[in-house]
Structure formats: C-alpha cells, structure tokens
Amino acid sequence: QVQLVESGGGLVQPGGSLRLSCAASGRIFNLMGWYRQAPGKQRELVASITYGSNTNFADSVKGRFTISRDNAKNTVYLQMNSLKPEDTAVYYCNVRGGLLAFWGQGTQVTVSS
C-alpha cells in the first residue's frame, strides 16, 4: 500500500522561504513532483523530478524554486525561495510509476504580510 506523507507548509511573508517534503512508502517511483491549487483555479504542475534527477519547472517558479529527491529515503523536496503572494495555494505531492499515480493529502502554503 502506498502512503505519501507531506510536511513543511505554513505561513510566510513575501520574500521568505519554505521547504516542503514528501516521503513515499510502498514502492519506488520514477517521477515525483509537486502540484498546487489556489482557490478558484485549476491544479497546476509546480515542479517534477525523475529518478535520474531530470527536473521540470513551471515558468512561474523558475529561478525561485528547486526540487530534489533522496532516492534512498524515497523522499522528494521542494525548496521555495523568494515567495510571492501568488504562490499561495494548497501544494500536493504526486508520484508516478508505470501506470500508477498517487497524490498526497495536500499542505497549505500561505504567503502574506
């Protein structure tokens, strides 16, 4: 059974930083990533990383966010710097392997002064 445990969300001032973590259990996943959904908007990809560390970022976060993974711990991290109010959303961990895909429960990130 696959479980995803997310942590690291919270309230931060504009310009601040947060680090999200997502630990997966049950199996190894080739693709791990983060999506986000703001109120009234569709869920969108933020960043993803393959087992071999190839990365992909949304244009809106390039240069501010980095994604990394620890394959030994089956954990993916999202380091978010220079946060803006428009980054406010629920962030969801997503993992994929073969035909299977799983979502975390979501963690709230609020950027506000």
PDB file of N, CA and C in Angstrom:
ATOM      1  N   GLN A   1       0.842  -1.184   0.000  1.00  0.00           N
ATOM      2  CA  GLN A   1       0.000   0.000   0.000  1.00  0.00           C
ATOM      3  C   GLN A   1       0.884   1.243   0.000  1.00  0.00           C
ATOM      4  N   VAL A   2       0.550   2.196  -0.851  1.00  0.00           N
ATOM      5  CA  VAL A   2       1.344   3.413  -0.979  1.00  0.00           C
ATOM      6  C   VAL A   2       0.830   4.478  -0.029  1.00  0.00           C
ATOM      7  N   GLN A   3       1.753   5.092   0.666  1.00  0.00           N
ATOM      8  CA  GLN A   3       1.426   6.236   1.523  1.00  0.00           C
ATOM      9  C   GLN A   3       2.365   7.376   1.213  1.00  0.00           C
ATOM     10  N   LEU A   4       1.816   8.578   1.163  1.00  0.00           N
ATOM     11  CA  LEU A   4       2.595   9.794   0.976  1.00  0.00           C
ATOM     12  C   LEU A   4       2.402  10.683   2.187  1.00  0.00           C
ATOM     13  N   VAL A   5       3.488  11.068   2.810  1.00  0.00           N
ATOM     14  CA  VAL A   5       3.418  11.921   3.992  1.00  0.00           C
ATOM     15  C   VAL A   5       4.094  13.241   3.662  1.00  0.00           C
ATOM     16  N   GLU A   6       3.286  14.301   3.625  1.00  0.00           N
ATOM     17  CA  GLU A   6       3.774  15.636   3.302  1.00  0.00           C
ATOM     18  C   GLU A   6       4.013  16.443   4.567  1.00  0.00           C
ATOM     19  N   SER A   7       4.959  17.358   4.487  1.00  0.00           N
ATOM     20  CA  SER A   7       5.204  18.270   5.594  1.00  0.00           C
ATOM     21  C   SER A   7       5.872  19.535   5.073  1.00  0.00           C
ATOM     22  N   GLY A   8       5.812  20.596   5.894  1.00  0.00           N
ATOM     23  CA  GLY A   8       6.579  21.788   5.582  1.00  0.00           C
ATOM     24  C   GLY A   8       5.791  23.005   5.176  1.00  0.00           C
ATOM     25  N   GLY A   9       4.491  22.918   5.028  1.00  0.00           N
ATOM     26  CA  GLY A   9       3.716  24.097   4.662  1.00  0.00           C
ATOM     27  C   GLY A   9       3.593  25.057   5.824  1.00  0.00           C
ATOM     28  N   GLY A  10       2.970  26.205   5.545  1.00  0.00           N
ATOM     29  CA  GLY A  10       2.774  27.182   6.602  1.00  0.00           C
ATOM     30  C   GLY A  10       2.586  28.574   6.063  1.00  0.00           C
ATOM     31  N   LEU A  11       2.689  29.535   6.977  1.00  0.00           N
ATOM     32  CA  LEU A  11       2.531  30.947   6.660  1.00  0.00           C
ATOM     33  C   LEU A  11       3.904  31.607   6.609  1.00  0.00           C
ATOM     34  N   VAL A  12       4.148  32.351   5.552  1.00  0.00           N
ATOM     35  CA  VAL A  12       5.437  33.023   5.391  1.00  0.00           C
ATOM     36  C   VAL A  12       5.210  34.387   4.756  1.00  0.00           C
ATOM     37  N   GLN A  13       6.079  35.324   5.077  1.00  0.00           N
ATOM     38  CA  GLN A  13       5.967  36.664   4.495  1.00  0.00           C
ATOM     39  C   GLN A  13       6.515  36.670   3.072  1.00  0.00           C
ATOM     40  N   PRO A  14       6.063  37.604   2.257  1.00  0.00           N
ATOM     41  CA  PRO A  14       6.624  37.725   0.904  1.00  0.00           C
ATOM     42  C   PRO A  14       8.137  37.863   0.958  1.00  0.00           C
ATOM     43  N   GLY A  15       8.807  37.146   0.055  1.00  0.00           N
ATOM     44  CA  GLY A  15      10.256  37.123   0.041  1.00  0.00           C
ATOM     45  C   GLY A  15      10.865  36.019   0.887  1.00  0.00           C
ATOM     46  N   GLY A  16      10.044  35.363   1.663  1.00  0.00           N
ATOM     47  CA  GLY A  16      10.524  34.305   2.538  1.00  0.00           C
ATOM     48  C   GLY A  16      10.684  32.969   1.833  1.00  0.00           C
ATOM     49  N   SER A  17      11.029  31.957   2.630  1.00  0.00           N
ATOM     50  CA  SER A  17      11.298  30.629   2.091  1.00  0.00           C
ATOM     51  C   SER A  17      10.562  29.564   2.894  1.00  0.00           C
ATOM     52  N   LEU A  18      10.254  28.490   2.219  1.00  0.00           N
ATOM     53  CA  LEU A  18       9.703  27.296   2.851  1.00  0.00           C
ATOM     54  C   LEU A  18      10.253  26.073   2.127  1.00  0.00           C
ATOM     55  N   ARG A  19      10.302  24.964   2.832  1.00  0.00           N
ATOM     56  CA  ARG A  19      10.726  23.701   2.239  1.00  0.00           C
ATOM     57  C   ARG A  19       9.658  22.648   2.493  1.00  0.00           C
ATOM     58  N   LEU A  20       9.154  22.085   1.430  1.00  0.00           N
ATOM     59  CA  LEU A  20       8.181  21.014   1.524  1.00  0.00           C
ATOM     60  C   LEU A  20       8.875  19.664   1.358  1.00  0.00           C
ATOM     61  N   SER A  21       8.359  18.677   2.087  1.00  0.00           N
ATOM     62  CA  SER A  21       8.884  17.320   1.970  1.00  0.00           C
ATOM     63  C   SER A  21       7.730  16.357   1.721  1.00  0.00           C
ATOM     64  N   CYS A  22       8.012  15.301   0.987  1.00  0.00           N
ATOM     65  CA  CYS A  22       7.018  14.256   0.744  1.00  0.00           C
ATOM     66  C   CYS A  22       7.731  12.917   0.756  1.00  0.00           C
ATOM     67  N   ALA A  23       7.400  12.108   1.740  1.00  0.00           N
ATOM     68  CA  ALA A  23       8.007  10.789   1.865  1.00  0.00           C
ATOM     69  C   ALA A  23       7.018   9.738   1.375  1.00  0.00           C
ATOM     70  N   ALA A  24       7.474   8.918   0.449  1.00  0.00           N
ATOM     71  CA  ALA A  24       6.634   7.869  -0.123  1.00  0.00           C
ATOM     72  C   ALA A  24       7.038   6.513   0.412  1.00  0.00           C
ATOM     73  N   SER A  25       6.058   5.702   0.664  1.00  0.00           N
ATOM     74  CA  SER A  25       6.329   4.333   1.107  1.00  0.00           C
ATOM     75  C   SER A  25       5.617   3.361   0.171  1.00  0.00           C
ATOM     76  N   GLY A  26       6.073   2.155   0.159  1.00  0.00           N
ATOM     77  CA  GLY A  26       5.384   1.135  -0.619  1.00  0.00           C
ATOM     78  C   GLY A  26       6.103   0.699  -1.875  1.00  0.00           C
ATOM     79  N   ARG A  27       6.742   1.629  -2.562  1.00  0.00           N
ATOM     80  CA  ARG A  27       7.485   1.275  -3.768  1.00  0.00           C
ATOM     81  C   ARG A  27       8.276   2.489  -4.237  1.00  0.00           C
ATOM     82  N   ILE A  28       9.152   2.256  -5.198  1.00  0.00           N
ATOM     83  CA  ILE A  28       9.936   3.340  -5.791  1.00  0.00           C
ATOM     84  C   ILE A  28       9.158   3.920  -6.979  1.00  0.00           C
ATOM     85  N   PHE A  29       9.198   5.226  -7.093  1.00  0.00           N
ATOM     86  CA  PHE A  29       8.504   5.905  -8.176  1.00  0.00           C
ATOM     87  C   PHE A  29       9.491   6.633  -9.071  1.00  0.00           C
ATOM     88  N   ASN A  30       9.318   6.458 -10.379  1.00  0.00           N
ATOM     89  CA  ASN A  30      10.217   7.121 -11.310  1.00  0.00           C
ATOM     90  C   ASN A  30      10.057   8.633 -11.251  1.00  0.00           C
ATOM     91  N   LEU A  31       8.833   9.101 -11.194  1.00  0.00           N
ATOM     92  CA  LEU A  31       8.565  10.532 -11.242  1.00  0.00           C
ATOM     93  C   LEU A  31       7.923  10.989  -9.939  1.00  0.00           C
ATOM     94  N   MET A  32       8.503  12.014  -9.334  1.00  0.00           N
ATOM     95  CA  MET A  32       7.959  12.608  -8.113  1.00  0.00           C
ATOM     96  C   MET A  32       7.858  14.103  -8.354  1.00  0.00           C
ATOM     97  N   GLY A  33       6.819  14.707  -7.813  1.00  0.00           N
ATOM     98  CA  GLY A  33       6.670  16.129  -8.062  1.00  0.00           C
ATOM     99  C   GLY A  33       5.662  16.789  -7.163  1.00  0.00           C
ATOM    100  N   TRP A  34       5.464  18.058  -7.423  1.00  0.00           N
ATOM    101  CA  TRP A  34       4.533  18.882  -6.650  1.00  0.00           C
ATOM    102  C   TRP A  34       3.605  19.632  -7.605  1.00  0.00           C
ATOM    103  N   TYR A  35       2.341  19.633  -7.238  1.00  0.00           N
ATOM    104  CA  TYR A  35       1.338  20.440  -7.896  1.00  0.00           C
ATOM    105  C   TYR A  35       0.777  21.413  -6.864  1.00  0.00           C
ATOM    106  N   ARG A  36       0.069  22.415  -7.329  1.00  0.00           N
ATOM    107  CA  ARG A  36      -0.588  23.327  -6.410  1.00  0.00           C
ATOM    108  C   ARG A  36      -1.936  23.740  -6.975  1.00  0.00           C
ATOM    109  N   GLN A  37      -2.821  24.093  -6.051  1.00  0.00           N
ATOM    110  CA  GLN A  37      -4.151  24.554  -6.436  1.00  0.00           C
ATOM    111  C   GLN A  37      -4.549  25.727  -5.560  1.00  0.00           C
ATOM    112  N   ALA A  38      -4.738  26.863  -6.184  1.00  0.00           N
ATOM    113  CA  ALA A  38      -5.209  28.053  -5.490  1.00  0.00           C
ATOM    114  C   ALA A  38      -6.732  28.106  -5.574  1.00  0.00           C
ATOM    115  N   PRO A  39      -7.368  28.824  -4.659  1.00  0.00           N
ATOM    116  CA  PRO A  39      -8.832  28.905  -4.681  1.00  0.00           C
ATOM    117  C   PRO A  39      -9.351  29.409  -6.022  1.00  0.00           C
ATOM    118  N   GLY A  40     -10.305  28.683  -6.597  1.00  0.00           N
ATOM    119  CA  GLY A  40     -10.900  29.083  -7.860  1.00  0.00           C
ATOM    120  C   GLY A  40     -10.076  28.798  -9.087  1.00  0.00           C
ATOM    121  N   LYS A  41      -8.943  28.120  -8.885  1.00  0.00           N
ATOM    122  CA  LYS A  41      -8.075  27.831 -10.027  1.00  0.00           C
ATOM    123  C   LYS A  41      -7.871  26.331 -10.179  1.00  0.00           C
ATOM    124  N   GLN A  42      -7.410  25.941 -11.359  1.00  0.00           N
ATOM    125  CA  GLN A  42      -7.118  24.530 -11.596  1.00  0.00           C
ATOM    126  C   GLN A  42      -5.801  24.132 -10.954  1.00  0.00           C
ATOM    127  N   ARG A  43      -5.687  22.871 -10.649  1.00  0.00           N
ATOM    128  CA  ARG A  43      -4.431  22.350 -10.127  1.00  0.00           C
ATOM    129  C   ARG A  43      -3.383  22.419 -11.231  1.00  0.00           C
ATOM    130  N   GLU A  44      -2.183  22.856 -10.876  1.00  0.00           N
ATOM    131  CA  GLU A  44      -1.124  23.016 -11.866  1.00  0.00           C
ATOM    132  C   GLU A  44       0.174  22.401 -11.371  1.00  0.00           C
ATOM    133  N   LEU A  45       0.971  21.958 -12.333  1.00  0.00           N
ATOM    134  CA  LEU A  45       2.280  21.430 -12.001  1.00  0.00           C
ATOM    135  C   LEU A  45       3.198  22.556 -11.541  1.00  0.00           C
ATOM    136  N   VAL A  46       3.891  22.319 -10.446  1.00  0.00           N
ATOM    137  CA  VAL A  46       4.899  23.256  -9.966  1.00  0.00           C
ATOM    138  C   VAL A  46       6.284  22.796 -10.400  1.00  0.00           C
ATOM    139  N   ALA A  47       6.610  21.550 -10.077  1.00  0.00           N
ATOM    140  CA  ALA A  47       7.917  21.003 -10.420  1.00  0.00           C
ATOM    141  C   ALA A  47       7.872  19.494 -10.318  1.00  0.00           C
ATOM    142  N   SER A  48       8.735  18.846 -11.090  1.00  0.00           N
ATOM    143  CA  SER A  48       8.836  17.393 -11.015  1.00  0.00           C
ATOM    144  C   SER A  48      10.273  16.975 -11.223  1.00  0.00           C
ATOM    145  N   ILE A  49      10.574  15.757 -10.789  1.00  0.00           N
ATOM    146  CA  ILE A  49      11.929  15.234 -10.880  1.00  0.00           C
ATOM    147  C   ILE A  49      11.874  13.733 -11.106  1.00  0.00           C
ATOM    148  N   THR A  50      12.692  13.250 -12.026  1.00  0.00           N
ATOM    149  CA  THR A  50      12.741  11.819 -12.290  1.00  0.00           C
ATOM    150  C   THR A  50      13.723  11.138 -11.336  1.00  0.00           C
ATOM    151  N   TYR A  51      13.720   9.815 -11.383  1.00  0.00           N
ATOM    152  CA  TYR A  51      14.639   9.050 -10.531  1.00  0.00           C
ATOM    153  C   TYR A  51      16.091   9.437 -10.831  1.00  0.00           C
ATOM    154  N   GLY A  52      16.353   9.771 -12.097  1.00  0.00           N
ATOM    155  CA  GLY A  52      17.689  10.175 -12.502  1.00  0.00           C
ATOM    156  C   GLY A  52      17.965  11.658 -12.344  1.00  0.00           C
ATOM    157  N   SER A  53      17.039  12.380 -11.661  1.00  0.00           N
ATOM    158  CA  SER A  53      17.194  13.792 -11.315  1.00  0.00           C
ATOM    159  C   SER A  53      17.026  14.764 -12.474  1.00  0.00           C
ATOM    160  N   ASN A  54      16.329  14.375 -13.501  1.00  0.00           N
ATOM    161  CA  ASN A  54      15.924  15.336 -14.517  1.00  0.00           C
ATOM    162  C   ASN A  54      14.740  16.119 -13.968  1.00  0.00           C
ATOM    163  N   THR A  55      14.786  17.431 -14.098  1.00  0.00           N
ATOM    164  CA  THR A  55      13.768  18.274 -13.480  1.00  0.00           C
ATOM    165  C   THR A  55      12.960  19.065 -14.506  1.00  0.00           C
ATOM    166  N   ASN A  56      11.781  19.484 -14.056  1.00  0.00           N
ATOM    167  CA  ASN A  56      10.895  20.278 -14.881  1.00  0.00           C
ATOM    168  C   ASN A  56      10.200  21.265 -13.948  1.00  0.00           C
ATOM    169  N   PHE A  57      10.096  22.530 -14.378  1.00  0.00           N
ATOM    170  CA  PHE A  57       9.504  23.570 -13.538  1.00  0.00           C
ATOM    171  C   PHE A  57       8.457  24.369 -14.311  1.00  0.00           C
ATOM    172  N   ALA A  58       7.451  24.815 -13.614  1.00  0.00           N
ATOM    173  CA  ALA A  58       6.539  25.786 -14.184  1.00  0.00           C
ATOM    174  C   ALA A  58       7.291  27.093 -14.392  1.00  0.00           C
ATOM    175  N   ASP A  59       6.947  27.804 -15.444  1.00  0.00           N
ATOM    176  CA  ASP A  59       7.646  29.062 -15.736  1.00  0.00           C
ATOM    177  C   ASP A  59       7.543  30.036 -14.566  1.00  0.00           C
ATOM    178  N   SER A  60       6.434  30.009 -13.857  1.00  0.00           N
ATOM    179  CA  SER A  60       6.202  30.969 -12.783  1.00  0.00           C
ATOM    180  C   SER A  60       7.115  30.767 -11.584  1.00  0.00           C
ATOM    181  N   VAL A  61       7.764  29.625 -11.478  1.00  0.00           N
ATOM    182  CA  VAL A  61       8.614  29.373 -10.316  1.00  0.00           C
ATOM    183  C   VAL A  61      10.091  29.196 -10.683  1.00  0.00           C
ATOM    184  N   LYS A  62      10.398  29.218 -11.967  1.00  0.00           N
ATOM    185  CA  LYS A  62      11.791  29.037 -12.385  1.00  0.00           C
ATOM    186  C   LYS A  62      12.671  30.117 -11.762  1.00  0.00           C
ATOM    187  N   GLY A  63      13.804  29.693 -11.241  1.00  0.00           N
ATOM    188  CA  GLY A  63      14.736  30.614 -10.611  1.00  0.00           C
ATOM    189  C   GLY A  63      14.453  30.866  -9.145  1.00  0.00           C
ATOM    190  N   ARG A  64      13.276  30.446  -8.671  1.00  0.00           N
ATOM    191  CA  ARG A  64      12.916  30.656  -7.265  1.00  0.00           C
ATOM    192  C   ARG A  64      12.776  29.332  -6.504  1.00  0.00           C
ATOM    193  N   PHE A  65      12.274  28.323  -7.174  1.00  0.00           N
ATOM    194  CA  PHE A  65      12.051  27.020  -6.542  1.00  0.00           C
ATOM    195  C   PHE A  65      13.065  26.012  -7.066  1.00  0.00           C
ATOM    196  N   THR A  66      13.462  25.101  -6.201  1.00  0.00           N
ATOM    197  CA  THR A  66      14.262  23.959  -6.624  1.00  0.00           C
ATOM    198  C   THR A  66      13.609  22.680  -6.110  1.00  0.00           C
ATOM    199  N   ILE A  67      13.798  21.607  -6.852  1.00  0.00           N
ATOM    200  CA  ILE A  67      13.259  20.312  -6.453  1.00  0.00           C
ATOM    201  C   ILE A  67      14.402  19.312  -6.391  1.00  0.00           C
ATOM    202  N   SER A  68      14.353  18.455  -5.406  1.00  0.00           N
ATOM    203  CA  SER A  68      15.379  17.439  -5.254  1.00  0.00           C
ATOM    204  C   SER A  68      14.736  16.188  -4.672  1.00  0.00           C
ATOM    205  N   ARG A  69      15.460  15.090  -4.709  1.00  0.00           N
ATOM    206  CA  ARG A  69      14.946  13.852  -4.135  1.00  0.00           C
ATOM    207  C   ARG A  69      16.084  13.052  -3.535  1.00  0.00           C
ATOM    208  N   ASP A  70      15.714  12.293  -2.519  1.00  0.00           N
ATOM    209  CA  ASP A  70      16.635  11.364  -1.889  1.00  0.00           C
ATOM    210  C   ASP A  70      16.084   9.971  -2.180  1.00  0.00           C
ATOM    211  N   ASN A  71      16.679   9.293  -3.136  1.00  0.00           N
ATOM    212  CA  ASN A  71      16.138   8.002  -3.560  1.00  0.00           C
ATOM    213  C   ASN A  71      16.242   6.948  -2.455  1.00  0.00           C
ATOM    214  N   ALA A  72      17.248   7.067  -1.622  1.00  0.00           N
ATOM    215  CA  ALA A  72      17.393   6.115  -0.519  1.00  0.00           C
ATOM    216  C   ALA A  72      16.241   6.249   0.479  1.00  0.00           C
ATOM    217  N   LYS A  73      15.740   7.459   0.626  1.00  0.00           N
ATOM    218  CA  LYS A  73      14.627   7.711   1.552  1.00  0.00           C
ATOM    219  C   LYS A  73      13.280   7.785   0.829  1.00  0.00           C
ATOM    220  N   ASN A  74      13.325   7.698  -0.504  1.00  0.00           N
ATOM    221  CA  ASN A  74      12.095   7.784  -1.312  1.00  0.00           C
ATOM    222  C   ASN A  74      11.324   9.060  -0.979  1.00  0.00           C
ATOM    223  N   THR A  75      12.059  10.144  -0.907  1.00  0.00           N
ATOM    224  CA  THR A  75      11.511  11.437  -0.471  1.00  0.00           C
ATOM    225  C   THR A  75      11.850  12.513  -1.503  1.00  0.00           C
ATOM    226  N   VAL A  76      10.877  13.371  -1.755  1.00  0.00           N
ATOM    227  CA  VAL A  76      11.081  14.497  -2.654  1.00  0.00           C
ATOM    228  C   VAL A  76      10.918  15.785  -1.860  1.00  0.00           C
ATOM    229  N   TYR A  77      11.725  16.779  -2.215  1.00  0.00           N
ATOM    230  CA  TYR A  77      11.735  18.060  -1.519  1.00  0.00           C
ATOM    231  C   TYR A  77      11.470  19.191  -2.518  1.00  0.00           C
ATOM    232  N   LEU A  78      10.778  20.200  -2.042  1.00  0.00           N
ATOM    233  CA  LEU A  78      10.586  21.415  -2.827  1.00  0.00           C
ATOM    234  C   LEU A  78      11.048  22.595  -1.987  1.00  0.00           C
ATOM    235  N   GLN A  79      12.148  23.193  -2.396  1.00  0.00           N
ATOM    236  CA  GLN A  79      12.660  24.388  -1.729  1.00  0.00           C
ATOM    237  C   GLN A  79      12.092  25.600  -2.444  1.00  0.00           C
ATOM    238  N   MET A  80      11.357  26.408  -1.704  1.00  0.00           N
ATOM    239  CA  MET A  80      10.691  27.568  -2.279  1.00  0.00           C
ATOM    240  C   MET A  80      11.289  28.832  -1.688  1.00  0.00           C
ATOM    241  N   ASN A  81      11.934  29.618  -2.534  1.00  0.00           N
ATOM    242  CA  ASN A  81      12.549  30.877  -2.115  1.00  0.00           C
ATOM    243  C   ASN A  81      11.856  32.049  -2.793  1.00  0.00           C
ATOM    244  N   SER A  82      12.091  33.227  -2.263  1.00  0.00           N
ATOM    245  CA  SER A  82      11.506  34.457  -2.829  1.00  0.00           C
ATOM    246  C   SER A  82      10.009  34.294  -3.072  1.00  0.00           C
ATOM    247  N   LEU A  83       9.331  33.794  -2.062  1.00  0.00           N
ATOM    248  CA  LEU A  83       7.910  33.505  -2.208  1.00  0.00           C
ATOM    249  C   LEU A  83       7.103  34.785  -2.416  1.00  0.00           C
ATOM    250  N   LYS A  84       6.061  34.624  -3.232  1.00  0.00           N
ATOM    251  CA  LYS A  84       5.176  35.740  -3.570  1.00  0.00           C
ATOM    252  C   LYS A  84       3.752  35.405  -3.126  1.00  0.00           C
ATOM    253  N   PRO A  85       2.926  36.416  -2.923  1.00  0.00           N
ATOM    254  CA  PRO A  85       1.525  36.131  -2.551  1.00  0.00           C
ATOM    255  C   PRO A  85       0.826  35.202  -3.542  1.00  0.00           C
ATOM    256  N   GLU A  86       1.183  35.300  -4.809  1.00  0.00           N
ATOM    257  CA  GLU A  86       0.551  34.428  -5.812  1.00  0.00           C
ATOM    258  C   GLU A  86       0.988  32.973  -5.724  1.00  0.00           C
ATOM    259  N   ASP A  87       1.954  32.683  -4.870  1.00  0.00           N
ATOM    260  CA  ASP A  87       2.334  31.291  -4.616  1.00  0.00           C
ATOM    261  C   ASP A  87       1.403  30.637  -3.588  1.00  0.00           C
ATOM    262  N   THR A  88       0.528  31.413  -2.995  1.00  0.00           N
ATOM    263  CA  THR A  88      -0.412  30.876  -2.012  1.00  0.00           C
ATOM    264  C   THR A  88      -1.315  29.833  -2.650  1.00  0.00           C
ATOM    265  N   ALA A  89      -1.335  28.640  -2.058  1.00  0.00           N
ATOM    266  CA  ALA A  89      -2.111  27.527  -2.610  1.00  0.00           C
ATOM    267  C   ALA A  89      -1.972  26.323  -1.685  1.00  0.00           C
ATOM    268  N   VAL A  90      -2.752  25.306  -1.972  1.00  0.00           N
ATOM    269  CA  VAL A  90      -2.515  24.000  -1.372  1.00  0.00           C
ATOM    270  C   VAL A  90      -1.568  23.248  -2.305  1.00  0.00           C
ATOM    271  N   TYR A  91      -0.494  22.776  -1.743  1.00  0.00           N
ATOM    272  CA  TYR A  91       0.517  22.065  -2.520  1.00  0.00           C
ATOM    273  C   TYR A  91       0.350  20.562  -2.310  1.00  0.00           C
ATOM    274  N   TYR A  92       0.320  19.829  -3.423  1.00  0.00           N
ATOM    275  CA  TYR A  92       0.109  18.390  -3.392  1.00  0.00           C
ATOM    276  C   TYR A  92       1.317  17.647  -3.954  1.00  0.00           C
ATOM    277  N   CYS A  93       1.746  16.659  -3.224  1.00  0.00           N
ATOM    278  CA  CYS A  93       2.781  15.758  -3.708  1.00  0.00           C
ATOM    279  C   CYS A  93       2.135  14.773  -4.687  1.00  0.00           C
ATOM    280  N   ASN A  94       2.854  14.456  -5.753  1.00  0.00           N
ATOM    281  CA  ASN A  94       2.379  13.496  -6.735  1.00  0.00           C
ATOM    282  C   ASN A  94       3.520  12.573  -7.112  1.00  0.00           C
ATOM    283  N   VAL A  95       3.260  11.281  -7.124  1.00  0.00           N
ATOM    284  CA  VAL A  95       4.283  10.313  -7.509  1.00  0.00           C
ATOM    285  C   VAL A  95       3.717   9.382  -8.571  1.00  0.00           C
ATOM    286  N   ARG A  96       4.589   8.988  -9.515  1.00  0.00           N
ATOM    287  CA  ARG A  96       4.126   8.165 -10.630  1.00  0.00           C
ATOM    288  C   ARG A  96       5.160   7.108 -10.969  1.00  0.00           C
ATOM    289  N   GLY A  97       4.643   5.926 -11.282  1.00  0.00           N
ATOM    290  CA  GLY A  97       5.494   4.844 -11.722  1.00  0.00           C
ATOM    291  C   GLY A  97       4.687   3.916 -12.604  1.00  0.00           C
ATOM    292  N   GLY A  98       5.091   3.739 -13.831  1.00  0.00           N
ATOM    293  CA  GLY A  98       4.307   2.934 -14.747  1.00  0.00           C
ATOM    294  C   GLY A  98       2.950   3.573 -14.975  1.00  0.00           C
ATOM    295  N   LEU A  99       1.899   2.800 -14.775  1.00  0.00           N
ATOM    296  CA  LEU A  99       0.536   3.303 -14.957  1.00  0.00           C
ATOM    297  C   LEU A  99      -0.059   3.832 -13.651  1.00  0.00           C
ATOM    298  N   LEU A 100       0.708   3.800 -12.590  1.00  0.00           N
ATOM    299  CA  LEU A 100       0.198   4.177 -11.291  1.00  0.00           C
ATOM    300  C   LEU A 100       0.571   5.614 -10.939  1.00  0.00           C
ATOM    301  N   ALA A 101      -0.359   6.302 -10.274  1.00  0.00           N
ATOM    302  CA  ALA A 101      -0.112   7.661  -9.798  1.00  0.00           C
ATOM    303  C   ALA A 101      -0.828   7.838  -8.463  1.00  0.00           C
ATOM    304  N   PHE A 102      -0.176   8.549  -7.559  1.00  0.00           N
ATOM    305  CA  PHE A 102      -0.744   8.759  -6.231  1.00  0.00           C
ATOM    306  C   PHE A 102      -0.559  10.206  -5.825  1.00  0.00           C
ATOM    307  N   TRP A 103      -1.514  10.689  -5.003  1.00  0.00           N
ATOM    308  CA  TRP A 103      -1.491  12.065  -4.514  1.00  0.00           C
ATOM    309  C   TRP A 103      -1.380  12.098  -3.002  1.00  0.00           C
ATOM    310  N   GLY A 104      -0.666  13.095  -2.509  1.00  0.00           N
ATOM    311  CA  GLY A 104      -0.652  13.360  -1.086  1.00  0.00           C
ATOM    312  C   GLY A 104      -1.909  14.093  -0.678  1.00  0.00           C
ATOM    313  N   GLN A 105      -2.026  14.338   0.635  1.00  0.00           N
ATOM    314  CA  GLN A 105      -3.244  14.953   1.166  1.00  0.00           C
ATOM    315  C   GLN A 105      -3.259  16.460   0.981  1.00  0.00           C
ATOM    316  N   GLY A 106      -2.116  17.042   0.659  1.00  0.00           N
ATOM    317  CA  GLY A 106      -2.013  18.481   0.445  1.00  0.00           C
ATOM    318  C   GLY A 106      -1.543  19.207   1.693  1.00  0.00           C
ATOM    319  N   THR A 107      -0.767  20.263   1.468  1.00  0.00           N
ATOM    320  CA  THR A 107      -0.303  21.100   2.566  1.00  0.00           C
ATOM    321  C   THR A 107      -0.454  22.561   2.146  1.00  0.00           C
ATOM    322  N   GLN A 108      -0.980  23.361   3.065  1.00  0.00           N
ATOM    323  CA  GLN A 108      -1.279  24.755   2.740  1.00  0.00           C
ATOM    324  C   GLN A 108      -0.022  25.612   2.822  1.00  0.00           C
ATOM    325  N   VAL A 109       0.197  26.401   1.803  1.00  0.00           N
ATOM    326  CA  VAL A 109       1.249  27.415   1.804  1.00  0.00           C
ATOM    327  C   VAL A 109       0.566  28.763   1.623  1.00  0.00           C
ATOM    328  N   THR A 110       0.794  29.652   2.576  1.00  0.00           N
ATOM    329  CA  THR A 110       0.197  30.986   2.527  1.00  0.00           C
ATOM    330  C   THR A 110       1.314  32.017   2.592  1.00  0.00           C
ATOM    331  N   VAL A 111       1.353  32.889   1.600  1.00  0.00           N
ATOM    332  CA  VAL A 111       2.357  33.941   1.542  1.00  0.00           C
ATOM    333  C   VAL A 111       1.643  35.268   1.741  1.00  0.00           C
ATOM    334  N   SER A 112       1.877  35.877   2.888  1.00  0.00           N
ATOM    335  CA  SER A 112       1.147  37.087   3.230  1.00  0.00           C
ATOM    336  C   SER A 112       1.907  37.877   4.278  1.00  0.00           C
ATOM    337  N   SER A 113       1.761  39.199   4.207  1.00  0.00           N
ATOM    338  CA  SER A 113       2.368  40.038   5.226  1.00  0.00           C
ATOM    339  C   SER A 113       1.362  40.345   6.326  1.00  0.00           C
TER     340      SER A 113
END
